Protein backbone atom coordinates (compact mmCIF):
# COMPACT_ATOMS: atom_id res chain seq x y z
CA MET A 1 -11.08 -76.20 -51.79
CA SER A 2 -13.39 -73.95 -50.72
CA LEU A 3 -13.70 -70.65 -52.42
CA ILE A 4 -15.04 -68.00 -49.09
CA ASP A 5 -14.26 -69.16 -45.29
CA TRP A 6 -16.62 -67.99 -42.61
CA ARG A 7 -14.91 -65.80 -40.54
CA ASP A 8 -16.49 -64.74 -37.22
CA GLU A 9 -16.73 -61.13 -38.74
CA PHE A 10 -19.67 -62.42 -40.52
CA SER A 11 -21.21 -63.20 -37.73
CA VAL A 12 -24.78 -61.36 -36.50
CA GLY A 13 -25.07 -62.73 -33.38
CA VAL A 14 -27.65 -64.41 -34.18
CA PRO A 15 -27.93 -68.66 -33.85
CA ASP A 16 -30.26 -69.20 -36.31
CA VAL A 17 -29.13 -66.59 -38.55
CA ASP A 18 -25.48 -67.04 -38.35
CA HIS A 19 -26.38 -70.72 -39.12
CA GLU A 20 -28.36 -69.80 -42.16
CA HIS A 21 -25.52 -67.59 -43.60
CA GLN A 22 -22.99 -69.94 -42.83
CA GLN A 23 -24.90 -72.89 -44.88
CA LEU A 24 -25.33 -71.18 -47.59
CA ILE A 25 -21.08 -70.11 -47.82
CA ALA A 26 -21.54 -73.62 -47.32
CA LEU A 27 -23.25 -73.92 -50.76
CA ILE A 28 -21.38 -72.08 -51.90
CA ASN A 29 -17.88 -73.66 -51.24
CA GLU A 30 -19.49 -77.23 -51.96
CA LEU A 31 -20.98 -75.95 -55.83
CA TYR A 32 -17.18 -74.40 -56.05
CA ALA A 33 -15.34 -78.06 -55.41
CA ASN A 34 -17.74 -79.28 -57.41
CA MET A 35 -16.80 -77.33 -60.31
CA SER A 36 -13.09 -76.72 -59.65
CA ARG A 37 -13.18 -81.07 -60.25
CA GLU A 38 -11.39 -82.40 -63.24
CA ASP A 39 -13.79 -84.79 -63.58
CA ARG A 40 -16.95 -82.62 -63.24
CA THR A 41 -20.24 -82.61 -64.34
CA TYR A 42 -21.47 -79.50 -62.99
CA GLY A 43 -20.07 -75.92 -65.48
CA VAL A 44 -19.66 -72.04 -64.86
CA GLU A 45 -22.84 -71.44 -65.75
CA ASP A 46 -24.60 -73.87 -63.39
CA PHE A 47 -22.86 -72.58 -60.98
CA LEU A 48 -23.02 -69.15 -60.85
CA GLY A 49 -26.90 -69.67 -61.40
CA GLU A 50 -26.62 -71.93 -58.60
CA ILE A 51 -26.04 -69.78 -56.61
CA TYR A 52 -27.88 -66.72 -58.16
CA SER A 53 -31.00 -68.84 -57.07
CA GLN A 54 -30.20 -69.75 -53.66
CA ILE A 55 -29.36 -66.85 -52.80
CA SER A 56 -32.39 -64.59 -54.08
CA ALA A 57 -33.85 -66.90 -51.77
CA HIS A 58 -32.08 -65.70 -49.18
CA PHE A 59 -32.80 -62.46 -49.57
CA ALA A 60 -37.13 -62.97 -50.60
CA LEU A 61 -37.41 -64.24 -47.35
CA GLU A 62 -35.66 -61.78 -45.92
CA GLU A 63 -37.30 -59.27 -47.43
CA LYS A 64 -40.56 -60.38 -46.73
CA ILE A 65 -40.24 -60.72 -42.98
CA MET A 66 -38.63 -57.02 -44.06
CA ARG A 67 -42.27 -55.34 -45.52
CA GLN A 68 -44.35 -57.69 -43.07
CA TYR A 69 -42.11 -56.43 -40.06
CA ARG A 70 -42.50 -52.66 -42.14
CA TYR A 71 -38.30 -52.52 -41.24
CA ASP A 72 -37.60 -48.63 -41.74
CA GLN A 73 -34.58 -49.17 -43.62
CA TYR A 74 -36.16 -51.74 -46.05
CA GLU A 75 -35.72 -50.28 -49.45
CA ASP A 76 -32.23 -49.82 -48.10
CA HIS A 77 -31.50 -53.37 -47.51
CA LYS A 78 -32.74 -54.12 -50.40
CA GLN A 79 -30.44 -52.24 -52.63
CA ASP A 80 -28.07 -54.01 -50.93
CA HIS A 81 -29.34 -57.06 -52.15
CA GLU A 82 -29.87 -55.75 -55.34
CA ARG A 83 -26.57 -54.86 -55.99
CA LEU A 84 -24.77 -58.33 -55.03
CA LEU A 85 -28.01 -59.84 -57.14
CA ASP A 86 -26.56 -57.77 -60.33
CA GLU A 87 -22.46 -58.21 -59.86
CA LEU A 88 -23.62 -62.26 -59.46
CA ARG A 89 -25.47 -60.99 -63.51
CA ASP A 90 -22.41 -59.17 -64.85
CA MET A 91 -20.48 -62.14 -64.08
CA MET A 92 -23.04 -64.10 -65.50
CA ASP A 93 -23.81 -62.13 -69.12
CA GLU A 94 -19.17 -61.59 -68.93
CA TYR A 95 -18.83 -65.41 -68.98
CA GLU A 96 -21.20 -66.17 -71.60
CA GLU A 97 -20.42 -63.52 -73.60
CA ASN A 98 -16.95 -63.63 -73.50
CA ALA A 99 -16.05 -67.49 -71.83
CA SER A 100 -14.08 -65.52 -69.39
CA PHE A 101 -14.88 -66.65 -65.41
CA SER A 102 -12.50 -65.18 -62.66
CA ASP A 103 -13.20 -67.08 -58.79
CA ALA A 104 -10.90 -64.57 -57.37
CA VAL A 105 -13.05 -61.43 -58.15
CA LEU A 106 -16.40 -63.92 -57.72
CA ALA A 107 -14.14 -65.31 -54.23
CA GLU A 108 -13.71 -61.01 -53.55
CA ALA A 109 -17.39 -60.01 -54.57
CA LEU A 110 -18.34 -62.71 -51.82
CA ARG A 111 -16.21 -62.06 -48.86
CA SER A 112 -17.05 -58.71 -49.14
CA TRP A 113 -20.19 -58.85 -49.91
CA PHE A 114 -20.74 -60.66 -47.05
CA THR A 115 -17.96 -59.18 -44.33
CA GLU A 116 -20.06 -55.81 -45.00
CA HIS A 117 -23.53 -57.31 -44.84
CA PHE A 118 -23.82 -59.37 -42.47
CA LYS A 119 -21.93 -57.15 -40.75
CA THR A 120 -24.15 -53.76 -41.10
CA ARG A 121 -27.58 -54.23 -42.69
CA ASP A 122 -27.48 -58.25 -42.15
CA ALA A 123 -27.15 -57.29 -38.09
CA ARG A 124 -29.31 -53.79 -37.60
CA LEU A 125 -31.99 -55.48 -38.26
CA HIS A 126 -31.69 -58.81 -36.18
CA SER A 127 -31.20 -56.19 -33.98
CA HIS A 128 -34.52 -54.28 -34.52
CA LEU A 129 -36.11 -58.05 -34.80
CA GLY A 130 -35.58 -58.11 -31.42
CA HIS A 131 -33.90 -61.90 -32.24
């Protein structure tokens, strides 16, 4: 069972970066599948926490590279990262407060974010860096 499937429109045209993004989507799907099983030992809080952790780590690496190369769109790119992390934190808070979780809302947030962010910000970044 997948929460989000890789689409060609997610590609930034840099094989190594596309591979890393595919791995991130695969991790999200693996965590989701584990959480969705009847005999699960992995709950919603663990699922959201691990996604948040992995995406944060990916963003930290990208932001380090952008600072290192004095990327001219660093602030805008970083703000887009923060927007997704804020959305994930809001979902985590909602679950903690109300035990309410919608995989459809999470899937749409991630799908939308991956599509727009990869096609625009990440594609520009990697083009700028000459990857």
